[in-house]
């Protein structure tokens, strides 16, 4: 199964490269279920430059986060409930307790960032704080994934015969 995933990522990198990484990062921030870091690590293991991948993914992710923010702002709670019903009460508590730090934490960790982007719009979070928290959190998450992939990726790829 893992070998199949690696073969898919290899085909993805060869076919779409940085453009594909940008698109996945963009979509993951407001609707796509697969975390961007899961794609970034093997992508750099296949030879793409870790810093370039980090920058491209961060730009895509923050633009996607702004889409999520806008969807939350304009479509509101009822539409978000259809996608993220079980997560919204917990995210609302995070916003009440941590404010903009909640977005930074979600942007940096494996917590579903897309729920926070929508909720930031629903709760009308200050857009400047939202963007800053998103950029910082996403950049460092992707940087760690990219360099981890470039350092141990070749070993993992050879272990699985890819």
N, C-alpha and C. Protein backbone atom coordinates (compact mmCIF):
# COMPACT_ATOMS: atom_id res chain seq x y z
N UNK A 1 0.83 -1.19 0.00
CA UNK A 1 0.00 0.00 0.00
C UNK A 1 0.87 1.26 0.00
N UNK A 2 1.88 1.29 0.89
CA UNK A 2 2.75 2.47 0.97
C UNK A 2 3.54 2.63 -0.31
N UNK A 3 3.97 1.50 -0.89
CA UNK A 3 4.71 1.56 -2.15
C UNK A 3 3.82 2.14 -3.25
N UNK A 4 2.55 1.76 -3.26
CA UNK A 4 1.60 2.31 -4.23
C UNK A 4 1.45 3.81 -4.10
N UNK A 5 1.40 4.29 -2.85
CA UNK A 5 1.32 5.73 -2.61
C UNK A 5 2.57 6.43 -3.13
N UNK A 6 3.73 5.84 -2.85
CA UNK A 6 4.98 6.45 -3.31
C UNK A 6 5.06 6.48 -4.84
N UNK A 7 4.59 5.44 -5.48
CA UNK A 7 4.57 5.43 -6.95
C UNK A 7 3.63 6.50 -7.48
N UNK A 8 2.50 6.70 -6.80
CA UNK A 8 1.58 7.75 -7.21
C UNK A 8 2.24 9.12 -7.05
N UNK A 9 2.90 9.35 -5.92
CA UNK A 9 3.58 10.64 -5.70
C UNK A 9 4.67 10.84 -6.75
N UNK A 10 5.42 9.79 -7.05
CA UNK A 10 6.47 9.91 -8.06
C UNK A 10 5.87 10.32 -9.41
N UNK A 11 4.79 9.68 -9.81
CA UNK A 11 4.13 10.04 -11.07
C UNK A 11 3.61 11.47 -11.01
N UNK A 12 3.07 11.84 -9.85
CA UNK A 12 2.55 13.20 -9.65
C UNK A 12 3.67 14.23 -9.81
N UNK A 13 4.83 13.97 -9.17
CA UNK A 13 5.97 14.90 -9.25
C UNK A 13 6.46 15.02 -10.68
N UNK A 14 6.59 13.89 -11.36
CA UNK A 14 7.06 13.92 -12.74
C UNK A 14 6.09 14.64 -13.66
N UNK A 15 4.81 14.47 -13.42
CA UNK A 15 3.80 15.06 -14.29
C UNK A 15 3.51 16.52 -13.97
N UNK A 16 3.37 16.86 -12.68
CA UNK A 16 2.87 18.18 -12.31
C UNK A 16 3.87 19.05 -11.55
N UNK A 17 4.85 18.44 -10.90
CA UNK A 17 5.90 19.19 -10.20
C UNK A 17 5.37 20.23 -9.22
N UNK A 18 5.95 21.41 -9.27
CA UNK A 18 5.59 22.48 -8.34
C UNK A 18 4.17 22.98 -8.55
N UNK A 19 3.69 22.95 -9.78
CA UNK A 19 2.32 23.39 -10.05
C UNK A 19 1.32 22.50 -9.32
N UNK A 20 1.56 21.21 -9.36
CA UNK A 20 0.68 20.27 -8.65
C UNK A 20 0.74 20.46 -7.15
N UNK A 21 1.93 20.71 -6.63
CA UNK A 21 2.08 20.97 -5.19
C UNK A 21 1.30 22.22 -4.80
N UNK A 22 1.40 23.25 -5.61
CA UNK A 22 0.67 24.50 -5.37
C UNK A 22 -0.84 24.22 -5.32
N UNK A 23 -1.35 23.48 -6.29
CA UNK A 23 -2.79 23.22 -6.38
C UNK A 23 -3.27 22.39 -5.19
N UNK A 24 -2.51 21.36 -4.82
CA UNK A 24 -2.90 20.55 -3.65
C UNK A 24 -2.90 21.40 -2.39
N UNK A 25 -1.88 22.23 -2.20
CA UNK A 25 -1.81 23.10 -1.02
C UNK A 25 -2.98 24.08 -1.00
N UNK A 26 -3.32 24.62 -2.16
CA UNK A 26 -4.45 25.55 -2.26
C UNK A 26 -5.76 24.86 -1.86
N UNK A 27 -6.02 23.71 -2.44
CA UNK A 27 -7.29 23.00 -2.18
C UNK A 27 -7.37 22.46 -0.76
N UNK A 28 -6.23 22.00 -0.23
CA UNK A 28 -6.23 21.42 1.11
C UNK A 28 -6.62 22.43 2.18
N UNK A 29 -6.40 23.70 1.93
CA UNK A 29 -6.69 24.72 2.94
C UNK A 29 -8.16 25.05 3.09
N UNK A 30 -8.99 24.57 2.17
CA UNK A 30 -10.41 24.84 2.35
C UNK A 30 -11.33 23.66 2.06
N UNK A 31 -10.84 22.59 1.40
CA UNK A 31 -11.76 21.49 1.13
C UNK A 31 -11.10 20.12 0.99
N UNK A 32 -9.91 20.02 0.43
CA UNK A 32 -9.26 18.75 0.12
C UNK A 32 -8.88 18.01 1.40
N UNK A 33 -9.18 16.70 1.52
CA UNK A 33 -8.96 16.00 2.78
C UNK A 33 -7.53 15.54 3.07
N UNK A 34 -6.64 15.50 2.09
CA UNK A 34 -5.29 14.99 2.31
C UNK A 34 -4.35 16.14 2.71
N UNK A 35 -3.68 16.03 3.86
CA UNK A 35 -2.77 17.10 4.29
C UNK A 35 -1.62 17.32 3.29
N UNK A 36 -1.31 18.56 3.04
CA UNK A 36 -0.27 18.92 2.08
C UNK A 36 1.08 18.32 2.47
N UNK A 37 1.40 18.29 3.75
CA UNK A 37 2.70 17.77 4.20
C UNK A 37 2.90 16.32 3.78
N UNK A 38 1.81 15.56 3.64
CA UNK A 38 1.90 14.17 3.22
C UNK A 38 2.40 14.07 1.78
N UNK A 39 2.15 15.08 0.99
CA UNK A 39 2.63 15.13 -0.39
C UNK A 39 4.03 15.74 -0.45
N UNK A 40 4.27 16.76 0.39
CA UNK A 40 5.55 17.49 0.34
C UNK A 40 6.73 16.59 0.66
N UNK A 41 6.65 15.80 1.71
CA UNK A 41 7.80 14.98 2.13
C UNK A 41 8.28 14.05 1.01
N UNK A 42 7.41 13.24 0.42
CA UNK A 42 7.92 12.39 -0.66
C UNK A 42 8.30 13.19 -1.91
N UNK A 43 7.66 14.34 -2.13
CA UNK A 43 8.00 15.16 -3.29
C UNK A 43 9.46 15.58 -3.24
N UNK A 44 9.92 16.04 -2.08
CA UNK A 44 11.32 16.44 -1.97
C UNK A 44 12.23 15.21 -1.95
N UNK A 45 11.70 14.09 -1.50
CA UNK A 45 12.46 12.84 -1.57
C UNK A 45 12.76 12.45 -3.01
N UNK A 46 11.88 12.85 -3.92
CA UNK A 46 12.09 12.58 -5.34
C UNK A 46 12.94 13.66 -6.02
N UNK A 47 13.45 14.60 -5.23
CA UNK A 47 14.45 15.51 -5.78
C UNK A 47 14.08 16.97 -5.95
N UNK A 48 12.84 17.36 -5.69
CA UNK A 48 12.52 18.78 -5.80
C UNK A 48 13.17 19.53 -4.64
N UNK A 49 13.57 20.77 -4.88
CA UNK A 49 14.25 21.58 -3.87
C UNK A 49 13.33 21.86 -2.69
N UNK A 50 13.76 21.53 -1.46
CA UNK A 50 12.90 21.69 -0.29
C UNK A 50 12.45 23.14 -0.04
N UNK A 51 13.33 24.10 -0.18
CA UNK A 51 12.94 25.49 0.07
C UNK A 51 11.94 25.98 -0.98
N UNK A 52 12.18 25.63 -2.23
CA UNK A 52 11.25 26.04 -3.29
C UNK A 52 9.88 25.40 -3.07
N UNK A 53 9.87 24.12 -2.74
CA UNK A 53 8.60 23.42 -2.47
C UNK A 53 7.88 24.09 -1.30
N UNK A 54 8.62 24.43 -0.25
CA UNK A 54 8.04 25.08 0.93
C UNK A 54 7.39 26.41 0.56
N UNK A 55 8.09 27.21 -0.21
CA UNK A 55 7.56 28.53 -0.59
C UNK A 55 6.33 28.38 -1.48
N UNK A 56 6.40 27.52 -2.48
CA UNK A 56 5.26 27.32 -3.38
C UNK A 56 4.05 26.78 -2.62
N UNK A 57 4.27 25.80 -1.75
CA UNK A 57 3.17 25.23 -0.98
C UNK A 57 2.58 26.25 -0.01
N UNK A 58 3.44 27.07 0.60
CA UNK A 58 2.94 28.09 1.53
C UNK A 58 2.07 29.10 0.80
N UNK A 59 2.51 29.56 -0.35
CA UNK A 59 1.72 30.52 -1.12
C UNK A 59 0.38 29.90 -1.50
N UNK A 60 0.41 28.67 -2.02
CA UNK A 60 -0.84 28.00 -2.38
C UNK A 60 -1.75 27.81 -1.19
N UNK A 61 -1.18 27.40 -0.07
CA UNK A 61 -1.98 27.14 1.13
C UNK A 61 -2.61 28.42 1.68
N UNK A 62 -1.87 29.51 1.70
CA UNK A 62 -2.41 30.75 2.24
C UNK A 62 -3.49 31.31 1.30
N UNK A 63 -3.29 31.17 0.00
CA UNK A 63 -4.36 31.59 -0.93
C UNK A 63 -5.61 30.73 -0.72
N UNK A 64 -5.41 29.43 -0.52
CA UNK A 64 -6.53 28.54 -0.22
C UNK A 64 -7.19 28.88 1.10
N UNK A 65 -6.38 29.28 2.07
CA UNK A 65 -6.92 29.69 3.38
C UNK A 65 -7.81 30.92 3.22
N UNK A 66 -7.42 31.82 2.33
CA UNK A 66 -8.26 33.00 2.07
C UNK A 66 -9.57 32.62 1.40
N UNK A 67 -9.53 31.58 0.57
CA UNK A 67 -10.77 31.06 -0.02
C UNK A 67 -11.65 30.51 1.10
N UNK A 68 -11.07 29.70 1.99
CA UNK A 68 -11.82 29.16 3.12
C UNK A 68 -12.39 30.26 4.00
N UNK A 69 -11.59 31.27 4.29
CA UNK A 69 -12.04 32.42 5.09
C UNK A 69 -13.24 33.08 4.42
N UNK A 70 -13.13 33.30 3.10
CA UNK A 70 -14.22 33.94 2.35
C UNK A 70 -15.47 33.07 2.34
N UNK A 71 -15.29 31.76 2.19
CA UNK A 71 -16.45 30.86 2.22
C UNK A 71 -17.15 30.94 3.58
N UNK A 72 -16.37 30.94 4.65
CA UNK A 72 -16.95 31.07 5.98
C UNK A 72 -17.63 32.41 6.17
N UNK A 73 -17.00 33.46 5.69
CA UNK A 73 -17.54 34.81 5.83
C UNK A 73 -18.86 34.98 5.08
N UNK A 74 -18.89 34.48 3.84
CA UNK A 74 -20.07 34.74 3.00
C UNK A 74 -21.12 33.63 3.02
N UNK A 75 -20.71 32.39 3.25
CA UNK A 75 -21.68 31.30 3.29
C UNK A 75 -22.10 30.98 4.72
N UNK A 76 -21.22 31.28 5.66
CA UNK A 76 -21.56 31.20 7.06
C UNK A 76 -21.63 29.81 7.67
N UNK A 77 -22.16 29.82 8.86
CA UNK A 77 -22.23 28.64 9.72
C UNK A 77 -23.04 27.50 9.10
N UNK A 78 -24.21 27.75 8.50
CA UNK A 78 -25.01 26.63 7.98
C UNK A 78 -24.28 25.78 6.93
N UNK A 79 -23.56 26.42 6.04
CA UNK A 79 -22.84 25.67 5.00
C UNK A 79 -21.64 24.94 5.62
N UNK A 80 -20.92 25.59 6.50
CA UNK A 80 -19.77 24.95 7.17
C UNK A 80 -20.23 23.73 7.95
N UNK A 81 -21.39 23.80 8.55
CA UNK A 81 -21.94 22.67 9.32
C UNK A 81 -22.09 21.43 8.44
N UNK A 82 -22.43 21.63 7.17
CA UNK A 82 -22.61 20.49 6.26
C UNK A 82 -21.30 19.74 6.04
N UNK A 83 -20.17 20.46 6.08
CA UNK A 83 -18.87 19.85 5.84
C UNK A 83 -18.14 19.43 7.11
N UNK A 84 -18.27 20.25 8.15
CA UNK A 84 -17.43 20.08 9.34
C UNK A 84 -18.23 20.02 10.64
N UNK A 85 -19.43 19.50 10.61
CA UNK A 85 -20.36 19.57 11.75
C UNK A 85 -19.72 19.19 13.08
N UNK A 86 -19.01 18.07 13.13
CA UNK A 86 -18.48 17.61 14.42
C UNK A 86 -17.30 18.45 14.91
N UNK A 87 -16.66 19.20 14.03
CA UNK A 87 -15.48 19.97 14.42
C UNK A 87 -15.78 21.41 14.87
N UNK A 88 -16.86 21.98 14.40
CA UNK A 88 -17.11 23.41 14.62
C UNK A 88 -17.20 23.80 16.10
N UNK A 89 -17.93 23.08 16.95
CA UNK A 89 -17.97 23.49 18.36
C UNK A 89 -16.59 23.51 19.02
N UNK A 90 -15.77 22.52 18.71
CA UNK A 90 -14.41 22.46 19.28
C UNK A 90 -13.55 23.62 18.76
N UNK A 91 -13.66 23.90 17.48
CA UNK A 91 -12.88 25.00 16.88
C UNK A 91 -13.33 26.33 17.47
N UNK A 92 -14.62 26.48 17.69
CA UNK A 92 -15.12 27.72 18.30
C UNK A 92 -14.52 27.91 19.70
N UNK A 93 -14.41 26.85 20.46
CA UNK A 93 -13.77 26.95 21.79
C UNK A 93 -12.30 27.36 21.66
N UNK A 94 -11.62 26.81 20.65
CA UNK A 94 -10.23 27.19 20.41
C UNK A 94 -10.12 28.68 20.09
N UNK A 95 -11.02 29.17 19.25
CA UNK A 95 -11.01 30.60 18.91
C UNK A 95 -11.28 31.46 20.14
N UNK A 96 -12.23 31.04 20.96
CA UNK A 96 -12.54 31.79 22.18
C UNK A 96 -11.34 31.81 23.13
N UNK A 97 -10.64 30.69 23.23
CA UNK A 97 -9.55 30.57 24.17
C UNK A 97 -8.24 31.17 23.66
N UNK A 98 -7.92 30.94 22.37
CA UNK A 98 -6.61 31.29 21.85
C UNK A 98 -6.59 32.41 20.81
N UNK A 99 -7.74 32.79 20.27
CA UNK A 99 -7.78 33.83 19.25
C UNK A 99 -6.98 33.44 18.02
N UNK A 100 -6.13 34.37 17.54
CA UNK A 100 -5.33 34.14 16.33
C UNK A 100 -4.34 32.99 16.51
N UNK A 101 -3.95 32.71 17.74
CA UNK A 101 -3.04 31.60 17.99
C UNK A 101 -3.67 30.27 17.56
N UNK A 102 -4.99 30.18 17.59
CA UNK A 102 -5.66 28.95 17.17
C UNK A 102 -5.36 28.67 15.70
N UNK A 103 -5.36 29.70 14.88
CA UNK A 103 -5.06 29.53 13.46
C UNK A 103 -3.60 29.12 13.28
N UNK A 104 -2.70 29.76 14.01
CA UNK A 104 -1.28 29.43 13.90
C UNK A 104 -1.04 27.98 14.31
N UNK A 105 -1.67 27.55 15.40
CA UNK A 105 -1.52 26.16 15.86
C UNK A 105 -2.05 25.19 14.81
N UNK A 106 -3.22 25.48 14.27
CA UNK A 106 -3.80 24.60 13.25
C UNK A 106 -2.97 24.61 11.97
N UNK A 107 -2.41 25.76 11.63
CA UNK A 107 -1.59 25.86 10.43
C UNK A 107 -0.29 25.08 10.56
N UNK A 108 0.22 24.96 11.76
CA UNK A 108 1.51 24.31 11.98
C UNK A 108 1.39 22.81 12.26
N UNK A 109 0.27 22.39 12.79
CA UNK A 109 0.10 21.00 13.22
C UNK A 109 -0.80 20.23 12.24
N UNK A 110 -0.97 18.94 12.46
CA UNK A 110 -1.86 18.15 11.60
C UNK A 110 -3.36 18.38 11.84
N UNK A 111 -3.70 19.29 12.73
CA UNK A 111 -5.12 19.61 12.95
C UNK A 111 -5.71 20.05 11.60
N UNK A 112 -6.96 19.65 11.29
CA UNK A 112 -7.55 20.03 9.99
C UNK A 112 -7.64 21.56 9.81
N UNK A 113 -6.67 22.10 9.10
CA UNK A 113 -6.56 23.54 8.90
C UNK A 113 -7.79 24.12 8.21
N UNK A 114 -8.38 23.36 7.29
CA UNK A 114 -9.52 23.86 6.52
C UNK A 114 -10.69 24.27 7.42
N UNK A 115 -10.89 23.56 8.52
CA UNK A 115 -11.98 23.92 9.44
C UNK A 115 -11.70 25.29 10.07
N UNK A 116 -10.44 25.55 10.38
CA UNK A 116 -10.06 26.83 10.98
C UNK A 116 -10.16 27.97 9.97
N UNK A 117 -9.89 27.68 8.70
CA UNK A 117 -10.00 28.76 7.71
C UNK A 117 -11.46 29.19 7.54
N UNK A 118 -12.34 28.21 7.46
CA UNK A 118 -13.77 28.53 7.35
C UNK A 118 -14.24 29.28 8.61
N UNK A 119 -13.89 28.73 9.77
CA UNK A 119 -14.35 29.33 11.04
C UNK A 119 -13.78 30.72 11.25
N UNK A 120 -12.57 30.98 10.78
CA UNK A 120 -12.02 32.33 10.89
C UNK A 120 -12.91 33.33 10.16
N UNK A 121 -13.44 32.93 9.03
CA UNK A 121 -14.38 33.79 8.31
C UNK A 121 -15.72 33.89 9.02
N UNK A 122 -16.20 32.76 9.51
CA UNK A 122 -17.49 32.76 10.23
C UNK A 122 -17.41 33.68 11.45
N UNK A 123 -16.31 33.61 12.19
CA UNK A 123 -16.15 34.39 13.42
C UNK A 123 -15.57 35.78 13.16
N UNK A 124 -15.39 36.09 11.87
CA UNK A 124 -14.90 37.40 11.44
C UNK A 124 -13.58 37.81 12.11
N UNK A 125 -12.65 36.87 12.08
CA UNK A 125 -11.32 37.12 12.62
C UNK A 125 -10.66 38.23 11.81
N UNK A 126 -9.84 39.04 12.45
CA UNK A 126 -9.10 40.09 11.76
C UNK A 126 -8.27 39.45 10.64
N UNK A 127 -8.46 39.91 9.42
CA UNK A 127 -7.84 39.28 8.25
C UNK A 127 -6.31 39.35 8.29
N UNK A 128 -5.76 40.44 8.80
CA UNK A 128 -4.29 40.57 8.87
C UNK A 128 -3.70 39.53 9.82
N UNK A 129 -4.34 39.36 10.97
CA UNK A 129 -3.87 38.34 11.92
C UNK A 129 -4.03 36.95 11.33
N UNK A 130 -5.12 36.74 10.61
CA UNK A 130 -5.38 35.46 9.98
C UNK A 130 -4.28 35.13 8.96
N UNK A 131 -3.96 36.08 8.11
CA UNK A 131 -2.94 35.86 7.09
C UNK A 131 -1.58 35.62 7.74
N UNK A 132 -1.22 36.43 8.72
CA UNK A 132 0.07 36.28 9.38
C UNK A 132 0.20 34.91 10.05
N UNK A 133 -0.83 34.52 10.78
CA UNK A 133 -0.81 33.21 11.46
C UNK A 133 -0.73 32.08 10.43
N UNK A 134 -1.45 32.21 9.33
CA UNK A 134 -1.44 31.18 8.28
C UNK A 134 -0.06 31.07 7.63
N UNK A 135 0.54 32.20 7.30
CA UNK A 135 1.86 32.19 6.65
C UNK A 135 2.90 31.56 7.58
N UNK A 136 2.94 32.00 8.81
CA UNK A 136 3.95 31.48 9.75
C UNK A 136 3.76 29.98 9.98
N UNK A 137 2.54 29.58 10.31
CA UNK A 137 2.28 28.17 10.62
C UNK A 137 2.52 27.26 9.43
N UNK A 138 2.01 27.65 8.27
CA UNK A 138 2.16 26.81 7.08
C UNK A 138 3.62 26.73 6.63
N UNK A 139 4.31 27.86 6.64
CA UNK A 139 5.70 27.87 6.19
C UNK A 139 6.53 26.89 7.02
N UNK A 140 6.41 26.96 8.34
CA UNK A 140 7.24 26.10 9.17
C UNK A 140 6.81 24.64 9.12
N UNK A 141 5.52 24.37 9.01
CA UNK A 141 5.10 22.98 8.85
C UNK A 141 5.65 22.39 7.56
N UNK A 142 5.52 23.14 6.47
CA UNK A 142 5.97 22.64 5.18
C UNK A 142 7.50 22.56 5.10
N UNK A 143 8.17 23.49 5.75
CA UNK A 143 9.64 23.47 5.77
C UNK A 143 10.16 22.20 6.45
N UNK A 144 9.57 21.86 7.57
CA UNK A 144 9.95 20.64 8.28
C UNK A 144 9.67 19.41 7.41
N UNK A 145 8.49 19.35 6.81
CA UNK A 145 8.14 18.20 5.97
C UNK A 145 9.05 18.11 4.75
N UNK A 146 9.36 19.25 4.15
CA UNK A 146 10.20 19.26 2.94
C UNK A 146 11.62 18.80 3.25
N UNK A 147 12.20 19.32 4.32
CA UNK A 147 13.56 18.91 4.65
C UNK A 147 13.62 17.49 5.19
N UNK A 148 12.61 17.06 5.91
CA UNK A 148 12.56 15.66 6.35
C UNK A 148 12.50 14.74 5.13
N UNK A 149 11.68 15.12 4.17
CA UNK A 149 11.57 14.32 2.94
C UNK A 149 12.86 14.26 2.16
N UNK A 150 13.56 15.39 2.10
CA UNK A 150 14.82 15.40 1.33
C UNK A 150 15.93 14.63 2.06
N UNK A 151 15.88 14.62 3.39
CA UNK A 151 16.93 13.93 4.16
C UNK A 151 16.72 12.42 4.25
N UNK A 152 15.49 12.01 4.58
CA UNK A 152 15.25 10.57 4.75
C UNK A 152 14.47 9.96 3.59
N UNK A 153 13.93 10.81 2.72
CA UNK A 153 13.14 10.31 1.60
C UNK A 153 13.87 9.33 0.71
N UNK A 154 15.10 9.66 0.29
CA UNK A 154 15.81 8.71 -0.58
C UNK A 154 16.00 7.33 0.07
N UNK A 155 16.27 7.30 1.37
CA UNK A 155 16.42 6.03 2.07
C UNK A 155 15.10 5.27 2.05
N UNK A 156 13.99 5.96 2.36
CA UNK A 156 12.68 5.31 2.37
C UNK A 156 12.32 4.80 0.97
N UNK A 157 12.59 5.63 -0.03
CA UNK A 157 12.28 5.23 -1.41
C UNK A 157 13.06 3.97 -1.81
N UNK A 158 14.34 3.92 -1.44
CA UNK A 158 15.14 2.74 -1.79
C UNK A 158 14.67 1.52 -0.99
N UNK A 159 14.24 1.73 0.26
CA UNK A 159 13.74 0.65 1.09
C UNK A 159 12.52 0.00 0.45
N UNK A 160 11.64 0.82 -0.15
CA UNK A 160 10.43 0.30 -0.77
C UNK A 160 10.62 0.00 -2.26
N UNK A 161 11.84 0.15 -2.74
CA UNK A 161 12.13 -0.20 -4.12
C UNK A 161 11.55 0.75 -5.15
N UNK A 162 11.39 2.03 -4.76
CA UNK A 162 10.83 3.01 -5.69
C UNK A 162 11.95 3.84 -6.26
